[in-house]
Amino acid sequence: MMGVVKRRRRRARRRLRRQRTILRAFTHATLTKEEAARQLGLRDDAELLGVLGAFGVPQPRLPDAAIARMADAFVKIWRN
């Protein structure tokens, strides 16, 4: 009986490690949100954001250069 419990715990730990790895890959932009959701067996990216919070993994963030380009574009549009 203890062998069964130990195997289940090991499987659960491996599954959690795999899920964390997928979430971190998404956060670091090495995995798309669609691919991350598919690998985790989630319905959509809204669920993906919920899982990020549940695991305590930070939300994905755009690179600073991309944010600066967006800000520049906004300023140009706003001035017109």
PDB file of N, CA and C in Angstrom:
ATOM      1  N   MET A   1       0.812  -1.196   0.000  1.00  0.00           N
ATOM      2  CA  MET A   1       0.000   0.000   0.000  1.00  0.00           C
ATOM      3  C   MET A   1       0.857   1.263   0.000  1.00  0.00           C
ATOM      4  N   MET A   2       1.932   1.285   0.783  1.00  0.00           N
ATOM      5  CA  MET A   2       2.804   2.452   0.837  1.00  0.00           C
ATOM      6  C   MET A   2       3.487   2.691  -0.511  1.00  0.00           C
ATOM      7  N   GLY A   3       3.766   1.611  -1.224  1.00  0.00           N
ATOM      8  CA  GLY A   3       4.384   1.751  -2.541  1.00  0.00           C
ATOM      9  C   GLY A   3       3.487   2.516  -3.496  1.00  0.00           C
ATOM     10  N   VAL A   4       2.199   2.256  -3.434  1.00  0.00           N
ATOM     11  CA  VAL A   4       1.233   2.940  -4.290  1.00  0.00           C
ATOM     12  C   VAL A   4       1.204   4.430  -3.950  1.00  0.00           C
ATOM     13  N   VAL A   5       1.191   4.756  -2.683  1.00  0.00           N
ATOM     14  CA  VAL A   5       1.158   6.148  -2.237  1.00  0.00           C
ATOM     15  C   VAL A   5       2.430   6.872  -2.689  1.00  0.00           C
ATOM     16  N   LYS A   6       3.570   6.218  -2.524  1.00  0.00           N
ATOM     17  CA  LYS A   6       4.833   6.835  -2.936  1.00  0.00           C
ATOM     18  C   LYS A   6       4.872   7.085  -4.439  1.00  0.00           C
ATOM     19  N   ARG A   7       4.397   6.133  -5.220  1.00  0.00           N
ATOM     20  CA  ARG A   7       4.371   6.307  -6.676  1.00  0.00           C
ATOM     21  C   ARG A   7       3.458   7.458  -7.068  1.00  0.00           C
ATOM     22  N   ARG A   8       2.305   7.545  -6.421  1.00  0.00           N
ATOM     23  CA  ARG A   8       1.372   8.637  -6.733  1.00  0.00           C
ATOM     24  C   ARG A   8       1.971   9.988  -6.376  1.00  0.00           C
ATOM     25  N   ARG A   9       2.655  10.051  -5.252  1.00  0.00           N
ATOM     26  CA  ARG A   9       3.298  11.313  -4.856  1.00  0.00           C
ATOM     27  C   ARG A   9       4.387  11.696  -5.851  1.00  0.00           C
ATOM     28  N   ARG A  10       5.186  10.726  -6.269  1.00  0.00           N
ATOM     29  CA  ARG A  10       6.240  11.002  -7.248  1.00  0.00           C
ATOM     30  C   ARG A  10       5.649  11.502  -8.555  1.00  0.00           C
ATOM     31  N   ARG A  11       4.585  10.841  -9.008  1.00  0.00           N
ATOM     32  CA  ARG A  11       3.924  11.274 -10.243  1.00  0.00           C
ATOM     33  C   ARG A  11       3.376  12.685 -10.111  1.00  0.00           C
ATOM     34  N   ALA A  12       2.779  12.978  -8.979  1.00  0.00           N
ATOM     35  CA  ALA A  12       2.227  14.316  -8.742  1.00  0.00           C
ATOM     36  C   ALA A  12       3.337  15.366  -8.738  1.00  0.00           C
ATOM     37  N   ARG A  13       4.467  15.053  -8.111  1.00  0.00           N
ATOM     38  CA  ARG A  13       5.592  15.996  -8.094  1.00  0.00           C
ATOM     39  C   ARG A  13       6.144  16.226  -9.494  1.00  0.00           C
ATOM     40  N   ARG A  14       6.260  15.143 -10.278  1.00  0.00           N
ATOM     41  CA  ARG A  14       6.739  15.286 -11.657  1.00  0.00           C
ATOM     42  C   ARG A  14       5.778  16.133 -12.477  1.00  0.00           C
ATOM     43  N   ARG A  15       4.474  15.906 -12.298  1.00  0.00           N
ATOM     44  CA  ARG A  15       3.469  16.674 -13.030  1.00  0.00           C
ATOM     45  C   ARG A  15       3.553  18.158 -12.660  1.00  0.00           C
ATOM     46  N   LEU A  16       3.720  18.454 -11.380  1.00  0.00           N
ATOM     47  CA  LEU A  16       3.847  19.851 -10.943  1.00  0.00           C
ATOM     48  C   LEU A  16       5.103  20.503 -11.508  1.00  0.00           C
ATOM     49  N   ARG A  17       6.222  19.765 -11.516  1.00  0.00           N
ATOM     50  CA  ARG A  17       7.464  20.310 -12.087  1.00  0.00           C
ATOM     51  C   ARG A  17       7.282  20.599 -13.572  1.00  0.00           C
ATOM     52  N   ARG A  18       6.642  19.684 -14.275  1.00  0.00           N
ATOM     53  CA  ARG A  18       6.399  19.871 -15.707  1.00  0.00           C
ATOM     54  C   ARG A  18       5.518  21.088 -15.941  1.00  0.00           C
ATOM     55  N   GLN A  19       4.466  21.237 -15.155  1.00  0.00           N
ATOM     56  CA  GLN A  19       3.577  22.387 -15.298  1.00  0.00           C
ATOM     57  C   GLN A  19       4.319  23.696 -15.032  1.00  0.00           C
ATOM     58  N   ARG A  20       5.142  23.714 -13.985  1.00  0.00           N
ATOM     59  CA  ARG A  20       5.928  24.924 -13.691  1.00  0.00           C
ATOM     60  C   ARG A  20       6.889  25.259 -14.830  1.00  0.00           C
ATOM     61  N   THR A  21       7.496  24.238 -15.406  1.00  0.00           N
ATOM     62  CA  THR A  21       8.421  24.441 -16.522  1.00  0.00           C
ATOM     63  C   THR A  21       7.689  25.077 -17.703  1.00  0.00           C
ATOM     64  N   ILE A  22       6.516  24.588 -18.008  1.00  0.00           N
ATOM     65  CA  ILE A  22       5.717  25.136 -19.105  1.00  0.00           C
ATOM     66  C   ILE A  22       5.339  26.581 -18.811  1.00  0.00           C
ATOM     67  N   LEU A  23       4.895  26.856 -17.590  1.00  0.00           N
ATOM     68  CA  LEU A  23       4.500  28.214 -17.220  1.00  0.00           C
ATOM     69  C   LEU A  23       5.676  29.179 -17.287  1.00  0.00           C
ATOM     70  N   ARG A  24       6.831  28.745 -16.835  1.00  0.00           N
ATOM     71  CA  ARG A  24       8.012  29.615 -16.907  1.00  0.00           C
ATOM     72  C   ARG A  24       8.421  29.868 -18.353  1.00  0.00           C
ATOM     73  N   ALA A  25       8.319  28.852 -19.190  1.00  0.00           N
ATOM     74  CA  ALA A  25       8.645  29.033 -20.611  1.00  0.00           C
ATOM     75  C   ALA A  25       7.710  30.063 -21.233  1.00  0.00           C
ATOM     76  N   PHE A  26       6.442  30.017 -20.878  1.00  0.00           N
ATOM     77  CA  PHE A  26       5.481  31.002 -21.377  1.00  0.00           C
ATOM     78  C   PHE A  26       5.825  32.393 -20.870  1.00  0.00           C
ATOM     79  N   THR A  27       6.136  32.497 -19.587  1.00  0.00           N
ATOM     80  CA  THR A  27       6.472  33.788 -18.993  1.00  0.00           C
ATOM     81  C   THR A  27       7.706  34.397 -19.643  1.00  0.00           C
ATOM     82  N   HIS A  28       8.674  33.559 -20.020  1.00  0.00           N
ATOM     83  CA  HIS A  28       9.905  34.048 -20.630  1.00  0.00           C
ATOM     84  C   HIS A  28       9.813  34.117 -22.158  1.00  0.00           C
ATOM     85  N   ALA A  29       8.606  33.978 -22.677  1.00  0.00           N
ATOM     86  CA  ALA A  29       8.314  34.116 -24.113  1.00  0.00           C
ATOM     87  C   ALA A  29       9.031  33.087 -24.982  1.00  0.00           C
ATOM     88  N   THR A  30       9.310  31.914 -24.449  1.00  0.00           N
ATOM     89  CA  THR A  30       9.854  30.845 -25.284  1.00  0.00           C
ATOM     90  C   THR A  30       8.757  29.872 -25.704  1.00  0.00           C
ATOM     91  N   LEU A  31       7.534  30.154 -25.251  1.00  0.00           N
ATOM     92  CA  LEU A  31       6.380  29.327 -25.575  1.00  0.00           C
ATOM     93  C   LEU A  31       5.193  30.268 -25.758  1.00  0.00           C
ATOM     94  N   THR A  32       4.416  30.072 -26.810  1.00  0.00           N
ATOM     95  CA  THR A  32       3.250  30.924 -27.030  1.00  0.00           C
ATOM     96  C   THR A  32       2.152  30.575 -26.032  1.00  0.00           C
ATOM     97  N   LYS A  33       1.210  31.501 -25.857  1.00  0.00           N
ATOM     98  CA  LYS A  33       0.121  31.233 -24.915  1.00  0.00           C
ATOM     99  C   LYS A  33      -0.741  30.062 -25.391  1.00  0.00           C
ATOM    100  N   GLU A  34      -0.897  29.937 -26.704  1.00  0.00           N
ATOM    101  CA  GLU A  34      -1.689  28.830 -27.241  1.00  0.00           C
ATOM    102  C   GLU A  34      -1.014  27.489 -26.968  1.00  0.00           C
ATOM    103  N   GLU A  35       0.298  27.460 -27.190  1.00  0.00           N
ATOM    104  CA  GLU A  35       1.053  26.220 -26.967  1.00  0.00           C
ATOM    105  C   GLU A  35       1.084  25.868 -25.479  1.00  0.00           C
ATOM    106  N   ALA A  36       1.275  26.861 -24.632  1.00  0.00           N
ATOM    107  CA  ALA A  36       1.294  26.609 -23.184  1.00  0.00           C
ATOM    108  C   ALA A  36      -0.058  26.073 -22.721  1.00  0.00           C
ATOM    109  N   ALA A  37      -1.141  26.699 -23.178  1.00  0.00           N
ATOM    110  CA  ALA A  37      -2.481  26.239 -22.797  1.00  0.00           C
ATOM    111  C   ALA A  37      -2.715  24.814 -23.284  1.00  0.00           C
ATOM    112  N   ARG A  38      -2.288  24.515 -24.508  1.00  0.00           N
ATOM    113  CA  ARG A  38      -2.474  23.164 -25.050  1.00  0.00           C
ATOM    114  C   ARG A  38      -1.691  22.139 -24.245  1.00  0.00           C
ATOM    115  N   GLN A  39      -0.418  22.451 -23.944  1.00  0.00           N
ATOM    116  CA  GLN A  39       0.413  21.505 -23.202  1.00  0.00           C
ATOM    117  C   GLN A  39      -0.122  21.268 -21.785  1.00  0.00           C
ATOM    118  N   LEU A  40      -0.753  22.279 -21.224  1.00  0.00           N
ATOM    119  CA  LEU A  40      -1.301  22.128 -19.871  1.00  0.00           C
ATOM    120  C   LEU A  40      -2.719  21.551 -19.884  1.00  0.00           C
ATOM    121  N   GLY A  41      -3.292  21.410 -21.071  1.00  0.00           N
ATOM    122  CA  GLY A  41      -4.642  20.873 -21.183  1.00  0.00           C
ATOM    123  C   GLY A  41      -5.709  21.862 -20.750  1.00  0.00           C
ATOM    124  N   LEU A  42      -5.449  23.145 -20.985  1.00  0.00           N
ATOM    125  CA  LEU A  42      -6.384  24.190 -20.596  1.00  0.00           C
ATOM    126  C   LEU A  42      -7.293  24.562 -21.758  1.00  0.00           C
ATOM    127  N   ARG A  43      -8.423  25.109 -21.431  1.00  0.00           N
ATOM    128  CA  ARG A  43      -9.422  25.490 -22.426  1.00  0.00           C
ATOM    129  C   ARG A  43      -8.966  26.684 -23.264  1.00  0.00           C
ATOM    130  N   ASP A  44      -8.420  27.704 -22.590  1.00  0.00           N
ATOM    131  CA  ASP A  44      -8.017  28.919 -23.300  1.00  0.00           C
ATOM    132  C   ASP A  44      -6.982  29.684 -22.486  1.00  0.00           C
ATOM    133  N   ASP A  45      -6.555  30.838 -23.015  1.00  0.00           N
ATOM    134  CA  ASP A  45      -5.520  31.588 -22.326  1.00  0.00           C
ATOM    135  C   ASP A  45      -6.029  32.299 -21.076  1.00  0.00           C
ATOM    136  N   ALA A  46      -7.332  32.456 -20.929  1.00  0.00           N
ATOM    137  CA  ALA A  46      -7.863  33.016 -19.674  1.00  0.00           C
ATOM    138  C   ALA A  46      -7.564  32.048 -18.525  1.00  0.00           C
ATOM    139  N   GLU A  47      -7.758  30.777 -18.769  1.00  0.00           N
ATOM    140  CA  GLU A  47      -7.421  29.766 -17.761  1.00  0.00           C
ATOM    141  C   GLU A  47      -5.920  29.767 -17.493  1.00  0.00           C
ATOM    142  N   LEU A  48      -5.139  30.003 -18.535  1.00  0.00           N
ATOM    143  CA  LEU A  48      -3.683  30.031 -18.398  1.00  0.00           C
ATOM    144  C   LEU A  48      -3.258  31.116 -17.414  1.00  0.00           C
ATOM    145  N   LEU A  49      -3.854  32.291 -17.510  1.00  0.00           N
ATOM    146  CA  LEU A  49      -3.517  33.371 -16.586  1.00  0.00           C
ATOM    147  C   LEU A  49      -3.901  33.009 -15.151  1.00  0.00           C
ATOM    148  N   GLY A  50      -5.006  32.317 -14.989  1.00  0.00           N
ATOM    149  CA  GLY A  50      -5.404  31.860 -13.652  1.00  0.00           C
ATOM    150  C   GLY A  50      -4.413  30.866 -13.076  1.00  0.00           C
ATOM    151  N   VAL A  51      -3.933  29.963 -13.909  1.00  0.00           N
ATOM    152  CA  VAL A  51      -2.959  28.963 -13.461  1.00  0.00           C
ATOM    153  C   VAL A  51      -1.627  29.636 -13.098  1.00  0.00           C
ATOM    154  N   LEU A  52      -1.243  30.658 -13.860  1.00  0.00           N
ATOM    155  CA  LEU A  52      -0.030  31.402 -13.519  1.00  0.00           C
ATOM    156  C   LEU A  52      -0.120  31.941 -12.096  1.00  0.00           C
ATOM    157  N   GLY A  53      -1.264  32.527 -11.771  1.00  0.00           N
ATOM    158  CA  GLY A  53      -1.461  33.067 -10.431  1.00  0.00           C
ATOM    159  C   GLY A  53      -1.465  31.977  -9.375  1.00  0.00           C
ATOM    160  N   ALA A  54      -2.101  30.866  -9.671  1.00  0.00           N
ATOM    161  CA  ALA A  54      -2.172  29.768  -8.706  1.00  0.00           C
ATOM    162  C   ALA A  54      -0.787  29.205  -8.401  1.00  0.00           C
ATOM    163  N   PHE A  55       0.093  29.194  -9.397  1.00  0.00           N
ATOM    164  CA  PHE A  55       1.442  28.672  -9.208  1.00  0.00           C
ATOM    165  C   PHE A  55       2.414  29.738  -8.706  1.00  0.00           C
ATOM    166  N   GLY A  56       1.952  30.974  -8.646  1.00  0.00           N
ATOM    167  CA  GLY A  56       2.824  32.049  -8.187  1.00  0.00           C
ATOM    168  C   GLY A  56       3.891  32.428  -9.199  1.00  0.00           C
ATOM    169  N   VAL A  57       3.631  32.131 -10.458  1.00  0.00           N
ATOM    170  CA  VAL A  57       4.565  32.480 -11.530  1.00  0.00           C
ATOM    171  C   VAL A  57       4.178  33.872 -12.036  1.00  0.00           C
ATOM    172  N   PRO A  58       5.153  34.765 -12.230  1.00  0.00           N
ATOM    173  CA  PRO A  58       4.806  36.125 -12.667  1.00  0.00           C
ATOM    174  C   PRO A  58       4.149  36.147 -14.046  1.00  0.00           C
ATOM    175  N   GLN A  59       3.310  37.133 -14.262  1.00  0.00           N
ATOM    176  CA  GLN A  59       2.653  37.306 -15.547  1.00  0.00           C
ATOM    177  C   GLN A  59       3.711  37.634 -16.607  1.00  0.00           C
ATOM    178  N   PRO A  60       3.465  37.237 -17.848  1.00  0.00           N
ATOM    179  CA  PRO A  60       4.417  37.569 -18.905  1.00  0.00           C
ATOM    180  C   PRO A  60       4.478  39.085 -19.096  1.00  0.00           C
ATOM    181  N   ARG A  61       5.623  39.550 -19.528  1.00  0.00           N
ATOM    182  CA  ARG A  61       5.828  40.982 -19.707  1.00  0.00           C
ATOM    183  C   ARG A  61       6.518  41.202 -21.043  1.00  0.00           C
ATOM    184  N   LEU A  62       6.088  42.226 -21.739  1.00  0.00           N
ATOM    185  CA  LEU A  62       6.741  42.558 -23.004  1.00  0.00           C
ATOM    186  C   LEU A  62       8.141  43.081 -22.730  1.00  0.00           C
ATOM    187  N   PRO A  63       9.047  42.860 -23.670  1.00  0.00           N
ATOM    188  CA  PRO A  63      10.390  43.433 -23.515  1.00  0.00           C
ATOM    189  C   PRO A  63      10.313  44.962 -23.480  1.00  0.00           C
ATOM    190  N   ASP A  64      11.244  45.585 -22.789  1.00  0.00           N
ATOM    191  CA  ASP A  64      11.251  47.040 -22.656  1.00  0.00           C
ATOM    192  C   ASP A  64      11.278  47.740 -24.012  1.00  0.00           C
ATOM    193  N   ALA A  65      12.007  47.181 -24.971  1.00  0.00           N
ATOM    194  CA  ALA A  65      12.084  47.784 -26.302  1.00  0.00           C
ATOM    195  C   ALA A  65      10.706  47.820 -26.970  1.00  0.00           C
ATOM    196  N   ALA A  66       9.934  46.761 -26.819  1.00  0.00           N
ATOM    197  CA  ALA A  66       8.591  46.713 -27.411  1.00  0.00           C
ATOM    198  C   ALA A  66       7.679  47.741 -26.740  1.00  0.00           C
ATOM    199  N   ILE A  67       7.788  47.876 -25.432  1.00  0.00           N
ATOM    200  CA  ILE A  67       6.982  48.858 -24.706  1.00  0.00           C
ATOM    201  C   ILE A  67       7.351  50.272 -25.157  1.00  0.00           C
ATOM    202  N   ALA A  68       8.645  50.538 -25.336  1.00  0.00           N
ATOM    203  CA  ALA A  68       9.090  51.860 -25.791  1.00  0.00           C
ATOM    204  C   ALA A  68       8.544  52.160 -27.188  1.00  0.00           C
ATOM    205  N   ARG A  69       8.551  51.171 -28.092  1.00  0.00           N
ATOM    206  CA  ARG A  69       8.003  51.379 -29.444  1.00  0.00           C
ATOM    207  C   ARG A  69       6.514  51.700 -29.382  1.00  0.00           C
ATOM    208  N   MET A  70       5.787  51.001 -28.529  1.00  0.00           N
ATOM    209  CA  MET A  70       4.355  51.253 -28.389  1.00  0.00           C
ATOM    210  C   MET A  70       4.100  52.658 -27.844  1.00  0.00           C
ATOM    211  N   ALA A  71       4.898  53.057 -26.871  1.00  0.00           N
ATOM    212  CA  ALA A  71       4.749  54.400 -26.292  1.00  0.00           C
ATOM    213  C   ALA A  71       5.032  55.466 -27.347  1.00  0.00           C
ATOM    214  N   ASP A  72       6.068  55.273 -28.154  1.00  0.00           N
ATOM    215  CA  ASP A  72       6.387  56.221 -29.221  1.00  0.00           C
ATOM    216  C   ASP A  72       5.240  56.306 -30.230  1.00  0.00           C
ATOM    217  N   ALA A  73       4.684  55.160 -30.597  1.00  0.00           N
ATOM    218  CA  ALA A  73       3.562  55.137 -31.544  1.00  0.00           C
ATOM    219  C   ALA A  73       2.359  55.867 -30.953  1.00  0.00           C
ATOM    220  N   PHE A  74       2.094  55.658 -29.669  1.00  0.00           N
ATOM    221  CA  PHE A  74       0.975  56.326 -29.030  1.00  0.00           C
ATOM    222  C   PHE A  74       1.166  57.835 -29.033  1.00  0.00           C
ATOM    223  N   VAL A  75       2.379  58.290 -28.718  1.00  0.00           N
ATOM    224  CA  VAL A  75       2.646  59.733 -28.691  1.00  0.00           C
ATOM    225  C   VAL A  75       2.427  60.331 -30.080  1.00  0.00           C
ATOM    226  N   LYS A  76       2.877  59.639 -31.128  1.00  0.00           N
ATOM    227  CA  LYS A  76       2.686  60.140 -32.496  1.00  0.00           C
ATOM    228  C   LYS A  76       1.203  60.236 -32.833  1.00  0.00           C
ATOM    229  N   ILE A  77       0.440  59.238 -32.460  1.00  0.00           N
ATOM    230  CA  ILE A  77      -1.001  59.237 -32.739  1.00  0.00           C
ATOM    231  C   ILE A  77      -1.685  60.328 -31.922  1.00  0.00           C
ATOM    232  N   TRP A  78      -1.333  60.467 -30.699  1.00  0.00           N
ATOM    233  CA  TRP A  78      -1.967  61.422 -29.797  1.00  0.00           C
ATOM    234  C   TRP A  78      -1.760  62.862 -30.265  1.00  0.00           C
ATOM    235  N   ARG A  79      -0.595  63.150 -30.836  1.00  0.00           N
ATOM    236  CA  ARG A  79      -0.278  64.504 -31.285  1.00  0.00           C
ATOM    237  C   ARG A  79      -1.066  64.889 -32.534  1.00  0.00           C
ATOM    238  N   ASN A  80      -1.516  63.933 -33.310  1.00  0.00           N
ATOM    239  CA  ASN A  80      -2.240  64.242 -34.552  1.00  0.00           C
ATOM    240  C   ASN A  80      -3.658  64.585 -34.324  1.00  0.00           C
TER     241      ASN A  80
END
